[in-house]
Protein backbone atom coordinates (compact mmCIF):
# COMPACT_ATOMS: atom_id res chain seq x y z
CA MET A 1 0.00 0.00 0.00
CA ASN A 2 1.25 3.44 -0.88
CA LEU A 3 2.55 5.57 2.01
CA LYS A 4 0.50 8.54 0.77
CA ILE A 5 -2.75 6.53 1.04
CA ILE A 6 -1.88 5.34 4.57
CA PHE A 7 -1.16 8.90 5.68
CA THR A 8 -4.43 10.16 4.13
CA GLN A 9 -6.43 7.45 5.91
CA PHE A 10 -4.71 8.26 9.18
CA VAL A 11 -5.58 11.97 8.84
CA LEU A 12 -9.21 11.12 7.98
CA ILE A 13 -9.51 8.87 11.04
CA LEU A 14 -8.14 11.67 13.24
CA LEU A 15 -10.56 14.19 11.75
CA ILE A 16 -13.53 11.87 12.26
CA TYR A 17 -12.43 11.05 15.79
CA ASN A 18 -11.95 14.74 16.67
CA LYS A 19 -15.14 15.70 14.79
CA GLY A 20 -13.22 18.05 12.52
CA HIS A 21 -11.84 20.19 15.33
CA GLY A 22 -8.10 20.81 15.36
CA GLN A 23 -8.18 22.25 18.87
CA SER A 24 -10.68 23.57 21.31
CA VAL A 25 -10.41 27.04 22.79
CA SER A 26 -12.13 27.90 26.00
CA PRO A 27 -14.67 30.71 25.43
CA TYR A 28 -13.27 32.41 28.52
CA LEU A 29 -10.08 33.26 26.62
CA ILE A 30 -11.86 35.03 23.78
CA SER A 31 -12.42 38.71 24.43
CA SER A 32 -12.86 41.98 22.61
CA GLY A 33 -10.19 43.57 24.77
CA GLY A 34 -9.47 44.66 28.27
CA ASP A 35 -7.00 45.15 31.06
CA ILE A 36 -5.90 43.15 34.08
CA TYR A 37 -4.22 45.12 36.86
CA PHE A 38 -1.64 43.50 39.11
CA GLU A 39 0.37 45.02 41.92
CA ASP A 40 3.27 46.23 39.79
CA TYR A 41 2.18 45.80 36.17
CA THR A 42 -0.81 45.70 33.84
CA VAL A 43 -1.68 43.30 31.02
CA HIS A 44 -3.60 44.78 28.07
CA TRP A 45 -5.14 42.83 25.21
CA ALA A 46 -7.08 43.61 22.06
CA ILE A 47 -9.51 41.67 19.87
CA GLY A 48 -8.55 38.01 19.72
CA GLU A 49 -6.56 35.79 21.98
CA ILE A 50 -5.52 37.12 25.36
CA ALA A 51 -1.95 38.40 25.48
CA VAL A 52 -0.26 36.81 28.47
CA THR A 53 2.57 38.78 30.05
CA GLU A 54 4.82 37.44 32.78
CA LEU A 55 7.83 38.92 34.48
CA LYS A 56 10.64 36.39 34.77
CA ASN A 57 14.08 37.81 35.52
CA GLY A 58 13.00 41.10 33.92
CA ILE A 59 11.86 39.48 30.66
CA ASN A 60 8.41 40.10 29.18
CA VAL A 61 6.73 37.09 27.56
CA THR A 62 3.81 38.05 25.34
CA GLN A 63 1.52 35.84 23.27
CA GLY A 64 -1.43 36.73 21.07
CA PHE A 65 -2.35 39.38 18.55
CA TYR A 66 -1.46 42.37 20.69
CA GLN A 67 2.02 43.23 21.85
CA ALA A 68 1.36 44.64 25.29
CA TYR A 69 3.31 47.31 27.09
CA ASN A 70 4.26 46.28 30.54
CA TYR A 71 2.87 49.18 32.59
CA LYS A 72 4.79 49.28 35.83
CA THR A 73 4.65 51.17 39.08
CA GLU A 74 8.11 52.50 39.85
CA THR A 75 8.76 52.73 43.60
CA PHE A 76 11.88 53.61 45.53
CA GLU A 77 12.76 54.37 49.13
CA TYR A 78 14.92 57.16 50.45
CA ASP A 79 17.43 56.66 53.27
CA ASP A 80 14.98 58.28 55.70
CA GLY A 81 12.43 55.48 55.06
CA HIS A 82 9.98 57.52 52.94
CA THR A 83 8.84 56.17 49.59
CA VAL A 84 8.00 57.74 46.25
CA SER A 85 6.04 55.95 43.50
CA PHE A 86 4.95 56.88 40.01
CA TYR A 87 2.85 55.10 37.41
CA PRO A 88 2.14 54.08 34.73
CA ASN A 89 5.45 53.52 33.03
CA PRO A 90 5.26 53.88 30.06
CA VAL A 91 2.93 56.87 30.30
CA SER A 92 0.71 58.38 27.62
CA ASN A 93 -0.52 61.69 29.08
CA TYR A 94 -0.84 61.68 32.88
CA LEU A 95 1.70 60.39 35.39
CA MET A 96 0.41 59.67 38.90
CA ILE A 97 2.94 60.46 41.63
CA GLU A 98 2.49 59.32 45.23
CA HIS A 99 4.76 59.84 48.23
CA ASP A 100 4.52 59.63 52.00
CA TYR A 101 6.49 62.77 52.91
CA PRO A 102 4.65 65.19 55.22
CA ASN A 103 5.63 68.11 52.95
CA ALA A 104 5.59 68.59 49.20
CA ILE A 105 8.58 67.36 47.19
CA SER A 106 10.05 68.66 43.94
CA LEU A 107 10.74 67.01 40.63
CA SER A 108 12.54 67.70 37.38
CA ILE A 109 12.18 65.93 34.06
CA TYR A 110 15.14 65.61 31.69
CA ASP A 111 15.38 64.31 28.15
CA ILE A 112 17.84 61.52 27.42
CA ILE A 113 20.66 63.96 26.62
CA GLY A 114 20.24 65.82 29.91
CA ARG A 115 18.21 68.93 29.02
CA ASN A 116 15.91 70.01 31.86
CA LEU A 117 12.42 70.16 30.34
CA LEU A 118 10.11 70.50 33.33
CA VAL A 119 10.37 71.54 37.00
CA HIS A 120 7.64 71.24 39.67
CA HIS A 121 8.25 72.38 43.24
CA GLU A 122 4.93 71.47 44.85
CA ILE A 123 4.35 67.73 44.35
CA LEU A 124 1.80 66.81 47.00
CA SER A 125 1.30 63.30 48.41
CA GLN A 126 -0.88 62.42 45.38
CA THR A 127 -0.34 64.41 42.21
CA ASN A 128 -1.51 63.70 38.67
CA LEU A 129 1.13 65.30 36.42
CA ASP A 130 0.14 66.28 32.86
CA LEU A 131 2.85 65.13 30.44
CA SER A 132 0.82 65.51 27.24
CA GLY A 133 3.22 68.25 26.08
CA LEU A 134 6.17 65.86 25.97
CA GLN A 135 7.03 64.08 22.74
CA THR A 136 7.27 60.29 22.53
CA GLY A 137 10.60 59.17 23.93
CA THR A 138 12.67 58.21 26.95
CA TYR A 139 13.03 60.63 29.88
CA ILE A 140 14.60 60.83 33.32
CA ILE A 141 12.48 61.96 36.27
CA LYS A 142 14.35 63.28 39.31
CA PHE A 143 12.56 63.54 42.67
CA ILE A 144 14.05 65.85 45.32
CA ASN A 145 12.91 65.51 48.95
CA ASP A 146 12.82 68.40 51.43
CA ASP A 147 16.40 67.55 52.59
CA GLY A 148 17.70 68.04 49.05
CA LYS A 149 18.38 64.33 48.47
CA TYR A 150 17.28 63.01 45.11
CA GLN A 151 16.40 59.79 43.29
CA SER A 152 16.21 59.45 39.50
CA LYS A 153 14.34 56.94 37.36
CA LYS A 154 13.85 56.42 33.65
CA PHE A 155 10.35 56.50 32.15
CA ILE A 156 8.95 56.21 28.65
CA LYS A 157 6.40 58.59 27.09
CA ILE A 158 4.23 56.91 24.44
């Protein structure tokens, strides 16, 4: 018997046995889009299969039709025990800044070559900073506490 005929019969038997279905997909994975918020990142997906993002040793693993940004909350602690956080990173228009200092802190935003583009001296414990005037790119945000000590972090404007 010809090998081609045997293979064809085998495929037909599999199709009949599986009722013509190559695989089954749970209807819970099909979605028109959405977001899932975790403690330090967000997974976004668009029409089609869910895009799964995991953080493993700093590597993003994405599957599906939509290449998701990994929106993170950046948090750091000063030597005095106070913390400053900002999110989302990357940011589109508004950056939320939170800190636990009793007084306002200051911040400066620099482009990647070091030009100072923005200075704010009254960042309260929760401040929503409008960054819609910045172009798409990579920036450095520098937070200065009331003792003059500073911390800098990179963020991306999309």
